[in-house]
Amino acid sequence: MRYVGLLFLVSTTMLMADINVVVWDEQQPRQKQAYSHFLGNAIARHLQDLPGIRAKSVKLDDADKGISTGVLDACDVLIWWGHVRQAEITPEDCLPIIQRIKEGNMSMITLHSAHWSTPFMEAMNARTRMEASRRYPRTQDSPNVVFEFIPPEGRISPAYDSIVTPAFLALQRRGVVTKVRVDLPNCCFPAYRNDGKPSMLQTLLPDHPIARGLPGFWSVSSAEMYAEPFHVPEPDTVVFKETFAGGEWFRSGMIWKIGKGKVFYFRPGHETYPVYKEKLPLMVIENAVRWMGSTVSQ
């Protein structure tokens, strides 16, 4: 009976569809300081060698900016890396990405400087709008709540002492909320330092699937520091906390549920440091792909 059960388990595993991963990369020339064939290709090649995963790399200069309908239709998990050409992807370009995430047909992983990528910003805007509707629902007593969503003024870093976005200002008449001003998330932080010194990550949730096999404390050999507060919606889960040589810290592994899909932000990964040649950051990516890919609607 034990043999039959094992045979059934193996057969079931073999019948499971592979997880389809698309790694999007703007392929900035500076990446060649650390990756001879670009960062996105390095991640895709690593994932291709793993069982149960099919991965391909696309780039901004591909047809349809690398995110054609055909590419997205064949994608379970989208990994995004961008830096200096973020604005070349428009909010309109991202509508199919956000729709697929909401419907549970795709999840997204954003890396390092992709905090300012358009798909991540649009995903955070979508989560903020959901939160606004949850906080201030239209009810029988307040059926005409008006929302005013205020976008940040471009990709500009916030000051340390500024309000942390997203922020909500609800106005009421006779105790009934009638208008809500929502400052959408800036998706940035007040300070960064590109000194290349090591950083230390703490695994806050060792039982989370993304943390599988990770030690309680581990390091990245070269890092660009980002400092809290990170102007994003409150995440559902924080898996990793990262600390830096100057004492700064950052929530470096955060998960949001957006509709039926998920978004995971992982902070390490500056383009001139070979972070994605290191064992443990690659393990995080693999774990995230397997967990998020397994929950995508087939």
C-alpha atoms as a PDB file:
ATOM      1  CA  MET A   1       0.000   0.000   0.000  1.00  0.00           C
ATOM      2  CA  ARG A   2       2.879   2.339   0.783  1.00  0.00           C
ATOM      3  CA  TYR A   3       4.365   1.664  -2.671  1.00  0.00           C
ATOM      4  CA  VAL A   4       1.013   2.373  -4.361  1.00  0.00           C
ATOM      5  CA  GLY A   5       0.658   5.640  -2.448  1.00  0.00           C
ATOM      6  CA  LEU A   6       4.154   6.723  -3.434  1.00  0.00           C
ATOM      7  CA  LEU A   7       3.498   5.810  -7.066  1.00  0.00           C
ATOM      8  CA  PHE A   8       0.294   7.872  -7.019  1.00  0.00           C
ATOM      9  CA  LEU A   9       2.155  10.867  -5.561  1.00  0.00           C
ATOM     10  CA  VAL A  10       4.891  10.677  -8.200  1.00  0.00           C
ATOM     11  CA  SER A  11       2.341  10.284 -10.989  1.00  0.00           C
ATOM     12  CA  THR A  12       0.335  13.249  -9.726  1.00  0.00           C
ATOM     13  CA  THR A  13       3.454  15.406  -9.546  1.00  0.00           C
ATOM     14  CA  MET A  14       4.408  14.461 -13.092  1.00  0.00           C
ATOM     15  CA  LEU A  15       0.972  15.500 -14.333  1.00  0.00           C
ATOM     16  CA  MET A  16       1.168  18.955 -12.751  1.00  0.00           C
ATOM     17  CA  ALA A  17       1.780  21.714 -15.290  1.00  0.00           C
ATOM     18  CA  ASP A  18       5.074  23.563 -15.203  1.00  0.00           C
ATOM     19  CA  ILE A  19       5.071  27.096 -13.797  1.00  0.00           C
ATOM     20  CA  ASN A  20       5.622  29.563 -16.635  1.00  0.00           C
ATOM     21  CA  VAL A  21       7.850  32.490 -15.663  1.00  0.00           C
ATOM     22  CA  VAL A  22       8.614  35.625 -17.663  1.00  0.00           C
ATOM     23  CA  VAL A  23      11.554  37.755 -16.495  1.00  0.00           C
ATOM     24  CA  TRP A  24      11.206  41.349 -17.747  1.00  0.00           C
ATOM     25  CA  ASP A  25      14.405  43.395 -17.845  1.00  0.00           C
ATOM     26  CA  GLU A  26      15.150  46.791 -19.355  1.00  0.00           C
ATOM     27  CA  GLN A  27      18.704  45.468 -19.978  1.00  0.00           C
ATOM     28  CA  GLN A  28      20.563  48.554 -18.842  1.00  0.00           C
ATOM     29  CA  PRO A  29      24.195  48.511 -20.150  1.00  0.00           C
ATOM     30  CA  ARG A  30      25.586  49.031 -16.625  1.00  0.00           C
ATOM     31  CA  GLN A  31      24.386  45.522 -15.746  1.00  0.00           C
ATOM     32  CA  LYS A  32      27.390  44.145 -17.623  1.00  0.00           C
ATOM     33  CA  GLN A  33      29.560  45.157 -14.675  1.00  0.00           C
ATOM     34  CA  ALA A  34      28.058  42.136 -12.908  1.00  0.00           C
ATOM     35  CA  TYR A  35      26.149  40.140 -15.555  1.00  0.00           C
ATOM     36  CA  SER A  36      27.798  39.537 -18.898  1.00  0.00           C
ATOM     37  CA  HIS A  37      24.459  38.692 -20.556  1.00  0.00           C
ATOM     38  CA  PHE A  38      22.233  40.986 -18.465  1.00  0.00           C
ATOM     39  CA  LEU A  39      20.491  40.481 -15.132  1.00  0.00           C
ATOM     40  CA  GLY A  40      17.168  39.210 -16.471  1.00  0.00           C
ATOM     41  CA  ASN A  41      18.840  36.554 -18.587  1.00  0.00           C
ATOM     42  CA  ALA A  42      20.846  35.370 -15.563  1.00  0.00           C
ATOM     43  CA  ILE A  43      17.699  34.888 -13.477  1.00  0.00           C
ATOM     44  CA  ALA A  44      15.838  33.198 -16.336  1.00  0.00           C
ATOM     45  CA  ARG A  45      18.711  30.787 -16.995  1.00  0.00           C
ATOM     46  CA  HIS A  46      18.839  29.830 -13.320  1.00  0.00           C
ATOM     47  CA  LEU A  47      15.104  29.142 -13.236  1.00  0.00           C
ATOM     48  CA  GLN A  48      15.215  27.155 -16.493  1.00  0.00           C
ATOM     49  CA  ASP A  49      17.498  24.623 -14.857  1.00  0.00           C
ATOM     50  CA  LEU A  50      15.019  23.907 -12.048  1.00  0.00           C
ATOM     51  CA  PRO A  51      12.416  21.138 -12.299  1.00  0.00           C
ATOM     52  CA  GLY A  52       8.813  22.198 -12.814  1.00  0.00           C
ATOM     53  CA  ILE A  53       9.664  25.692 -14.049  1.00  0.00           C
ATOM     54  CA  ARG A  54       9.764  27.078 -17.572  1.00  0.00           C
ATOM     55  CA  ALA A  55      11.346  30.525 -17.810  1.00  0.00           C
ATOM     56  CA  LYS A  56      12.063  33.054 -20.524  1.00  0.00           C
ATOM     57  CA  SER A  57      13.568  36.527 -20.491  1.00  0.00           C
ATOM     58  CA  VAL A  58      12.086  39.511 -22.320  1.00  0.00           C
ATOM     59  CA  LYS A  59      13.256  43.110 -22.581  1.00  0.00           C
ATOM     60  CA  LEU A  60      11.969  46.615 -23.066  1.00  0.00           C
ATOM     61  CA  ASP A  61      13.253  46.795 -26.638  1.00  0.00           C
ATOM     62  CA  ASP A  62      11.301  43.694 -27.706  1.00  0.00           C
ATOM     63  CA  ALA A  63       8.092  44.044 -29.719  1.00  0.00           C
ATOM     64  CA  ASP A  64       5.280  45.519 -27.605  1.00  0.00           C
ATOM     65  CA  LYS A  65       7.884  46.400 -24.955  1.00  0.00           C
ATOM     66  CA  GLY A  66       8.204  42.717 -24.068  1.00  0.00           C
ATOM     67  CA  ILE A  67       4.677  42.490 -22.656  1.00  0.00           C
ATOM     68  CA  SER A  68       2.564  41.484 -25.642  1.00  0.00           C
ATOM     69  CA  THR A  69      -0.711  39.655 -25.140  1.00  0.00           C
ATOM     70  CA  GLY A  70       0.966  36.411 -26.207  1.00  0.00           C
ATOM     71  CA  VAL A  71       3.724  36.808 -23.620  1.00  0.00           C
ATOM     72  CA  LEU A  72       1.311  37.619 -20.791  1.00  0.00           C
ATOM     73  CA  ASP A  73      -1.154  34.864 -21.729  1.00  0.00           C
ATOM     74  CA  ALA A  74       1.650  32.330 -21.298  1.00  0.00           C
ATOM     75  CA  CYS A  75       2.844  33.763 -17.973  1.00  0.00           C
ATOM     76  CA  ASP A  76       2.047  32.529 -14.462  1.00  0.00           C
ATOM     77  CA  VAL A  77       4.655  34.615 -12.642  1.00  0.00           C
ATOM     78  CA  LEU A  78       6.070  37.874 -13.981  1.00  0.00           C
ATOM     79  CA  ILE A  79       9.441  38.952 -12.545  1.00  0.00           C
ATOM     80  CA  TRP A  80      10.207  42.634 -13.155  1.00  0.00           C
ATOM     81  CA  TRP A  81      13.499  44.510 -13.003  1.00  0.00           C
ATOM     82  CA  GLY A  82      13.875  48.111 -14.145  1.00  0.00           C
ATOM     83  CA  HIS A  83      15.750  51.269 -13.225  1.00  0.00           C
ATOM     84  CA  VAL A  84      16.497  54.200 -15.544  1.00  0.00           C
ATOM     85  CA  ARG A  85      13.829  53.600 -18.230  1.00  0.00           C
ATOM     86  CA  GLN A  86      10.829  53.087 -15.936  1.00  0.00           C
ATOM     87  CA  ALA A  87       8.702  55.805 -17.553  1.00  0.00           C
ATOM     88  CA  GLU A  88       8.844  54.125 -20.962  1.00  0.00           C
ATOM     89  CA  ILE A  89       6.232  51.701 -19.618  1.00  0.00           C
ATOM     90  CA  THR A  90       2.967  53.621 -19.310  1.00  0.00           C
ATOM     91  CA  PRO A  91       0.001  52.976 -17.010  1.00  0.00           C
ATOM     92  CA  GLU A  92      -1.960  51.962 -20.118  1.00  0.00           C
ATOM     93  CA  ASP A  93       0.705  49.369 -20.931  1.00  0.00           C
ATOM     94  CA  CYS A  94       0.145  47.882 -17.476  1.00  0.00           C
ATOM     95  CA  LEU A  95      -3.635  47.484 -17.635  1.00  0.00           C
ATOM     96  CA  PRO A  96      -3.420  43.855 -18.870  1.00  0.00           C
ATOM     97  CA  ILE A  97      -0.872  43.030 -16.153  1.00  0.00           C
ATOM     98  CA  ILE A  98      -2.989  44.429 -13.326  1.00  0.00           C
ATOM     99  CA  GLN A  99      -6.144  42.803 -14.708  1.00  0.00           C
ATOM    100  CA  ARG A 100      -4.462  39.391 -14.823  1.00  0.00           C
ATOM    101  CA  ILE A 101      -3.240  39.813 -11.247  1.00  0.00           C
ATOM    102  CA  LYS A 102      -6.710  40.806 -10.011  1.00  0.00           C
ATOM    103  CA  GLU A 103      -8.258  37.806 -11.747  1.00  0.00           C
ATOM    104  CA  GLY A 104      -5.690  35.429 -10.245  1.00  0.00           C
ATOM    105  CA  ASN A 105      -4.271  34.466 -13.634  1.00  0.00           C
ATOM    106  CA  MET A 106      -0.817  35.839 -12.888  1.00  0.00           C
ATOM    107  CA  SER A 107       1.296  36.994  -9.938  1.00  0.00           C
ATOM    108  CA  MET A 108       4.218  39.412  -9.973  1.00  0.00           C
ATOM    109  CA  ILE A 109       7.637  39.660  -8.333  1.00  0.00           C
ATOM    110  CA  THR A 110       9.358  43.054  -8.408  1.00  0.00           C
ATOM    111  CA  LEU A 111      13.055  43.416  -7.618  1.00  0.00           C
ATOM    112  CA  HIS A 112      15.076  46.253  -6.101  1.00  0.00           C
ATOM    113  CA  SER A 113      14.797  49.439  -8.217  1.00  0.00           C
ATOM    114  CA  ALA A 114      11.552  48.146  -9.722  1.00  0.00           C
ATOM    115  CA  HIS A 115       9.872  49.815  -6.738  1.00  0.00           C
ATOM    116  CA  TRP A 116       9.409  52.679  -9.208  1.00  0.00           C
ATOM    117  CA  SER A 117       8.463  50.486 -12.136  1.00  0.00           C
ATOM    118  CA  THR A 118       5.086  51.331 -13.626  1.00  0.00           C
ATOM    119  CA  PRO A 119       3.519  47.877 -13.064  1.00  0.00           C
ATOM    120  CA  PHE A 120       4.499  47.918  -9.381  1.00  0.00           C
ATOM    121  CA  MET A 121       3.200  51.460  -8.932  1.00  0.00           C
ATOM    122  CA  GLU A 122      -0.055  50.570 -10.676  1.00  0.00           C
ATOM    123  CA  ALA A 123      -0.398  47.446  -8.520  1.00  0.00           C
ATOM    124  CA  MET A 124       0.096  49.561  -5.380  1.00  0.00           C
ATOM    125  CA  ASN A 125      -2.453  52.078  -6.692  1.00  0.00           C
ATOM    126  CA  ALA A 126      -4.945  49.246  -7.226  1.00  0.00           C
ATOM    127  CA  ARG A 127      -4.366  47.976  -3.690  1.00  0.00           C
ATOM    128  CA  THR A 128      -4.811  51.524  -2.334  1.00  0.00           C
ATOM    129  CA  ARG A 129      -8.123  51.951  -4.133  1.00  0.00           C
ATOM    130  CA  MET A 130      -9.316  48.656  -2.676  1.00  0.00           C
ATOM    131  CA  GLU A 131      -8.280  49.833   0.783  1.00  0.00           C
ATOM    132  CA  ALA A 132     -10.098  53.159   0.317  1.00  0.00           C
ATOM    133  CA  SER A 133     -13.321  51.348  -0.596  1.00  0.00           C
ATOM    134  CA  ARG A 134     -12.931  49.031   2.395  1.00  0.00           C
ATOM    135  CA  ARG A 135     -12.335  51.878   4.840  1.00  0.00           C
ATOM    136  CA  TYR A 136     -15.055  54.150   3.490  1.00  0.00           C
ATOM    137  CA  PRO A 137     -17.708  51.945   1.864  1.00  0.00           C
ATOM    138  CA  ARG A 138     -20.757  53.332   0.181  1.00  0.00           C
ATOM    139  CA  THR A 139     -23.629  52.402   2.481  1.00  0.00           C
ATOM    140  CA  GLN A 140     -27.276  53.283   2.909  1.00  0.00           C
ATOM    141  CA  ASP A 141     -26.227  56.071   5.286  1.00  0.00           C
ATOM    142  CA  SER A 142     -23.456  57.378   2.992  1.00  0.00           C
ATOM    143  CA  PRO A 143     -24.342  56.310  -0.552  1.00  0.00           C
ATOM    144  CA  ASN A 144     -22.521  59.153  -2.298  1.00  0.00           C
ATOM    145  CA  VAL A 145     -18.955  59.000  -1.014  1.00  0.00           C
ATOM    146  CA  VAL A 146     -16.688  60.731  -3.532  1.00  0.00           C
ATOM    147  CA  PHE A 147     -13.056  59.632  -3.806  1.00  0.00           C
ATOM    148  CA  GLU A 148     -10.327  61.944  -5.069  1.00  0.00           C
ATOM    149  CA  PHE A 149      -7.148  60.013  -5.886  1.00  0.00           C
ATOM    150  CA  ILE A 150      -4.045  62.226  -5.980  1.00  0.00           C
ATOM    151  CA  PRO A 151      -0.996  60.749  -7.745  1.00  0.00           C
ATOM    152  CA  PRO A 152       2.544  61.664  -6.661  1.00  0.00           C
ATOM    153  CA  GLU A 153       4.292  64.362  -8.668  1.00  0.00           C
ATOM    154  CA  GLY A 154       6.540  62.119 -10.698  1.00  0.00           C
ATOM    155  CA  ARG A 155       9.267  59.814  -9.464  1.00  0.00           C
ATOM    156  CA  ILE A 156      10.652  62.049  -6.693  1.00  0.00           C
ATOM    157  CA  SER A 157      11.890  60.775  -3.322  1.00  0.00           C
ATOM    158  CA  PRO A 158       9.886  61.812  -0.226  1.00  0.00           C
ATOM    159  CA  ALA A 159      11.470  63.624   2.715  1.00  0.00           C
ATOM    160  CA  TYR A 160      11.915  61.824   6.028  1.00  0.00           C
ATOM    161  CA  ASP A 161       9.390  64.063   7.797  1.00  0.00           C
ATOM    162  CA  SER A 162       6.693  64.000   5.107  1.00  0.00           C
ATOM    163  CA  ILE A 163       3.389  62.183   5.438  1.00  0.00           C
ATOM    164  CA  VAL A 164       3.731  58.533   4.503  1.00  0.00           C
ATOM    165  CA  THR A 165       1.669  57.590   1.483  1.00  0.00           C
ATOM    166  CA  PRO A 166      -0.830  56.210   0.795  1.00  0.00           C
ATOM    167  CA  ALA A 167      -2.668  58.643   3.051  1.00  0.00           C
ATOM    168  CA  PHE A 168      -6.403  59.142   3.552  1.00  0.00           C
ATOM    169  CA  LEU A 169      -8.229  62.369   4.449  1.00  0.00           C
ATOM    170  CA  ALA A 170     -11.948  61.741   4.977  1.00  0.00           C
ATOM    171  CA  LEU A 171     -14.336  64.701   5.213  1.00  0.00           C
ATOM    172  CA  GLN A 172     -17.759  64.363   6.802  1.00  0.00           C
ATOM    173  CA  ARG A 173     -21.021  66.212   7.202  1.00  0.00           C
ATOM    174  CA  ARG A 174     -23.193  65.515  10.236  1.00  0.00           C
ATOM    175  CA  GLY A 175     -21.060  62.489  11.005  1.00  0.00           C
ATOM    176  CA  VAL A 176     -21.358  60.986   7.520  1.00  0.00           C
ATOM    177  CA  VAL A 177     -18.294  60.705   5.293  1.00  0.00           C
ATOM    178  CA  THR A 178     -18.953  62.471   1.990  1.00  0.00           C
ATOM    179  CA  LYS A 179     -15.522  62.914   0.417  1.00  0.00           C
ATOM    180  CA  VAL A 180     -12.197  61.115   0.749  1.00  0.00           C
ATOM    181  CA  ARG A 181      -8.902  62.489  -0.513  1.00  0.00           C
ATOM    182  CA  VAL A 182      -6.433  59.673  -1.135  1.00  0.00           C
ATOM    183  CA  ASP A 183      -2.760  60.458  -1.715  1.00  0.00           C
ATOM    184  CA  LEU A 184      -1.595  57.510  -3.780  1.00  0.00           C
ATOM    185  CA  PRO A 185       1.639  55.759  -2.765  1.00  0.00           C
ATOM    186  CA  ASN A 186       4.908  57.369  -3.803  1.00  0.00           C
ATOM    187  CA  CYS A 187       6.486  53.882  -3.965  1.00  0.00           C
ATOM    188  CA  CYS A 188       9.824  55.264  -2.772  1.00  0.00           C
ATOM    189  CA  PHE A 189      11.733  56.074   0.444  1.00  0.00           C
ATOM    190  CA  PRO A 190      13.650  59.054   1.819  1.00  0.00           C
ATOM    191  CA  ALA A 191      17.260  57.830   1.467  1.00  0.00           C
ATOM    192  CA  TYR A 192      19.537  55.466  -0.410  1.00  0.00           C
ATOM    193  CA  ARG A 193      23.301  54.882  -0.412  1.00  0.00           C
ATOM    194  CA  ASN A 194      25.128  52.960  -3.098  1.00  0.00           C
ATOM    195  CA  ASP A 195      28.232  51.980  -1.110  1.00  0.00           C
ATOM    196  CA  GLY A 196      28.278  48.279  -2.007  1.00  0.00           C
ATOM    197  CA  LYS A 197      28.686  47.187   1.607  1.00  0.00           C
ATOM    198  CA  PRO A 198      27.100  43.927   2.815  1.00  0.00           C
ATOM    199  CA  SER A 199      23.609  43.928   4.255  1.00  0.00           C
ATOM    200  CA  MET A 200      22.059  41.526   6.778  1.00  0.00           C
ATOM    201  CA  LEU A 201      18.642  39.980   6.252  1.00  0.00           C
ATOM    202  CA  GLN A 202      16.512  38.519   9.009  1.00  0.00           C
ATOM    203  CA  THR A 203      13.948  35.873   8.105  1.00  0.00           C
ATOM    204  CA  LEU A 204      10.923  37.064  10.060  1.00  0.00           C
ATOM    205  CA  LEU A 205       8.602  34.232   8.983  1.00  0.00           C
ATOM    206  CA  PRO A 206      10.679  31.040   8.731  1.00  0.00           C
ATOM    207  CA  ASP A 207       7.569  28.927   8.056  1.00  0.00           C
ATOM    208  CA  HIS A 208       6.444  30.989   5.065  1.00  0.00           C
ATOM    209  CA  PRO A 209       6.886  29.191   1.698  1.00  0.00           C
ATOM    210  CA  ILE A 210       9.089  32.025   0.396  1.00  0.00           C
ATOM    211  CA  ALA A 211      11.455  31.496   3.337  1.00  0.00           C
ATOM    212  CA  ARG A 212      11.813  27.752   2.827  1.00  0.00           C
ATOM    213  CA  GLY A 213      15.428  26.699   3.432  1.00  0.00           C
ATOM    214  CA  LEU A 214      16.566  30.193   4.411  1.00  0.00           C
ATOM    215  CA  PRO A 215      18.517  30.668   7.664  1.00  0.00           C
ATOM    216  CA  GLY A 216      17.287  33.008  10.382  1.00  0.00           C
ATOM    217  CA  PHE A 217      19.982  35.533   9.521  1.00  0.00           C
ATOM    218  CA  TRP A 218      21.882  35.779   6.255  1.00  0.00           C
ATOM    219  CA  SER A 219      23.773  38.365   4.250  1.00  0.00           C
ATOM    220  CA  VAL A 220      24.033  39.811   0.767  1.00  0.00           C
ATOM    221  CA  SER A 221      27.654  40.515  -0.106  1.00  0.00           C
ATOM    222  CA  SER A 222      27.088  43.909  -1.798  1.00  0.00           C
ATOM    223  CA  ALA A 223      24.052  46.118  -1.398  1.00  0.00           C
ATOM    224  CA  GLU A 224      22.637  49.521  -2.169  1.00  0.00           C
ATOM    225  CA  MET A 225      20.988  50.800   0.999  1.00  0.00           C
ATOM    226  CA  TYR A 226      17.308  51.795   1.013  1.00  0.00           C
ATOM    227  CA  ALA A 227      15.908  53.388   4.211  1.00  0.00           C
ATOM    228  CA  GLU A 228      12.389  53.218   5.634  1.00  0.00           C
ATOM    229  CA  PRO A 229       9.722  54.479   5.537  1.00  0.00           C
ATOM    230  CA  PHE A 230       8.811  52.844   2.238  1.00  0.00           C
ATOM    231  CA  HIS A 231       5.755  54.623   0.834  1.00  0.00           C
ATOM    232  CA  VAL A 232       3.566  51.650  -0.078  1.00  0.00           C
ATOM    233  CA  PRO A 233       0.276  50.232   1.247  1.00  0.00           C
ATOM    234  CA  GLU A 234       0.616  48.185   4.405  1.00  0.00           C
ATOM    235  CA  PRO A 235       1.633  44.728   3.195  1.00  0.00           C
ATOM    236  CA  ASP A 236      -0.275  41.600   4.146  1.00  0.00           C
ATOM    237  CA  THR A 237       2.990  39.879   5.010  1.00  0.00           C
ATOM    238  CA  VAL A 238       6.595  40.925   5.691  1.00  0.00           C
ATOM    239  CA  VAL A 239       8.934  37.969   5.229  1.00  0.00           C
ATOM    240  CA  PHE A 240      12.364  39.632   5.491  1.00  0.00           C
ATOM    241  CA  LYS A 241      13.869  42.629   7.308  1.00  0.00           C
ATOM    242  CA  GLU A 242      17.179  44.007   6.042  1.00  0.00           C
ATOM    243  CA  THR A 243      19.687  46.128   7.977  1.00  0.00           C
ATOM    244  CA  PHE A 244      22.621  48.105   6.602  1.00  0.00           C
ATOM    245  CA  ALA A 245      26.081  49.293   7.650  1.00  0.00           C
ATOM    246  CA  GLY A 246      24.815  52.708   8.778  1.00  0.00           C
ATOM    247  CA  GLY A 247      22.074  51.235  10.969  1.00  0.00           C
ATOM    248  CA  GLU A 248      19.256  51.793   8.456  1.00  0.00           C
ATOM    249  CA  TRP A 249      16.641  49.092   7.931  1.00  0.00           C
ATOM    250  CA  PHE A 250      14.061  48.098   5.327  1.00  0.00           C
ATOM    251  CA  ARG A 251      11.146  45.692   4.938  1.00  0.00           C
ATOM    252  CA  SER A 252      12.890  43.756   2.195  1.00  0.00           C
ATOM    253  CA  GLY A 253      10.371  41.025   1.439  1.00  0.00           C
ATOM    254  CA  MET A 254       6.732  42.155   1.305  1.00  0.00           C
ATOM    255  CA  ILE A 255       3.583  40.530  -0.068  1.00  0.00           C
ATOM    256  CA  TRP A 256       0.270  42.086  -1.050  1.00  0.00           C
ATOM    257  CA  LYS A 257      -2.868  40.329  -2.208  1.00  0.00           C
ATOM    258  CA  ILE A 258      -4.536  42.260  -5.032  1.00  0.00           C
ATOM    259  CA  GLY A 259      -7.836  40.708  -5.978  1.00  0.00           C
ATOM    260  CA  LYS A 260      -7.122  37.005  -6.436  1.00  0.00           C
ATOM    261  CA  GLY A 261      -3.435  37.474  -7.252  1.00  0.00           C
ATOM    262  CA  LYS A 262      -0.277  38.395  -5.359  1.00  0.00           C
ATOM    263  CA  VAL A 263       2.608  40.839  -5.637  1.00  0.00           C
ATOM    264  CA  PHE A 264       5.949  40.190  -3.908  1.00  0.00           C
ATOM    265  CA  TYR A 265       8.598  42.899  -3.581  1.00  0.00           C
ATOM    266  CA  PHE A 266      12.167  41.740  -2.859  1.00  0.00           C
ATOM    267  CA  ARG A 267      14.611  44.578  -2.247  1.00  0.00           C
ATOM    268  CA  PRO A 268      18.149  43.192  -2.974  1.00  0.00           C
ATOM    269  CA  GLY A 269      19.433  43.312  -6.532  1.00  0.00           C
ATOM    270  CA  HIS A 270      21.333  46.414  -7.678  1.00  0.00           C
ATOM    271  CA  GLU A 271      22.422  45.987 -11.299  1.00  0.00           C
ATOM    272  CA  THR A 272      26.164  46.456 -10.718  1.00  0.00           C
ATOM    273  CA  TYR A 273      26.400  43.871  -7.924  1.00  0.00           C
ATOM    274  CA  PRO A 274      26.135  40.113  -8.627  1.00  0.00           C
ATOM    275  CA  VAL A 275      23.339  39.573  -6.098  1.00  0.00           C
ATOM    276  CA  TYR A 276      21.557  37.135  -8.403  1.00  0.00           C
ATOM    277  CA  LYS A 277      24.612  34.953  -8.638  1.00  0.00           C
ATOM    278  CA  GLU A 278      24.385  34.294  -4.892  1.00  0.00           C
ATOM    279  CA  LYS A 279      22.703  31.157  -3.578  1.00  0.00           C
ATOM    280  CA  LEU A 280      20.278  32.624  -1.041  1.00  0.00           C
ATOM    281  CA  PRO A 281      18.752  35.473  -3.110  1.00  0.00           C
ATOM    282  CA  LEU A 282      18.219  32.948  -5.916  1.00  0.00           C
ATOM    283  CA  MET A 283      16.565  30.611  -3.399  1.00  0.00           C
ATOM    284  CA  VAL A 284      14.146  33.412  -2.476  1.00  0.00           C
ATOM    285  CA  ILE A 285      13.255  33.885  -6.155  1.00  0.00           C
ATOM    286  CA  GLU A 286      12.736  30.140  -6.671  1.00  0.00           C
ATOM    287  CA  ASN A 287      10.593  29.828  -3.539  1.00  0.00           C
ATOM    288  CA  ALA A 288       8.485  32.822  -4.535  1.00  0.00           C
ATOM    289  CA  VAL A 289       7.984  31.480  -8.064  1.00  0.00           C
ATOM    290  CA  ARG A 290       6.882  28.062  -6.805  1.00  0.00           C
ATOM    291  CA  TRP A 291       4.528  29.446  -4.164  1.00  0.00           C
ATOM    292  CA  MET A 292       2.977  32.162  -6.292  1.00  0.00           C
ATOM    293  CA  GLY A 293       2.856  30.009  -9.421  1.00  0.00           C
ATOM    294  CA  SER A 294       1.099  27.203  -7.605  1.00  0.00           C
ATOM    295  CA  THR A 295      -1.807  29.488  -6.661  1.00  0.00           C
ATOM    296  CA  VAL A 296      -2.380  30.935 -10.126  1.00  0.00           C
ATOM    297  CA  SER A 297      -5.689  29.957 -11.695  1.00  0.00           C
ATOM    298  CA  GLN A 298      -5.110  27.299 -14.343  1.00  0.00           C
END
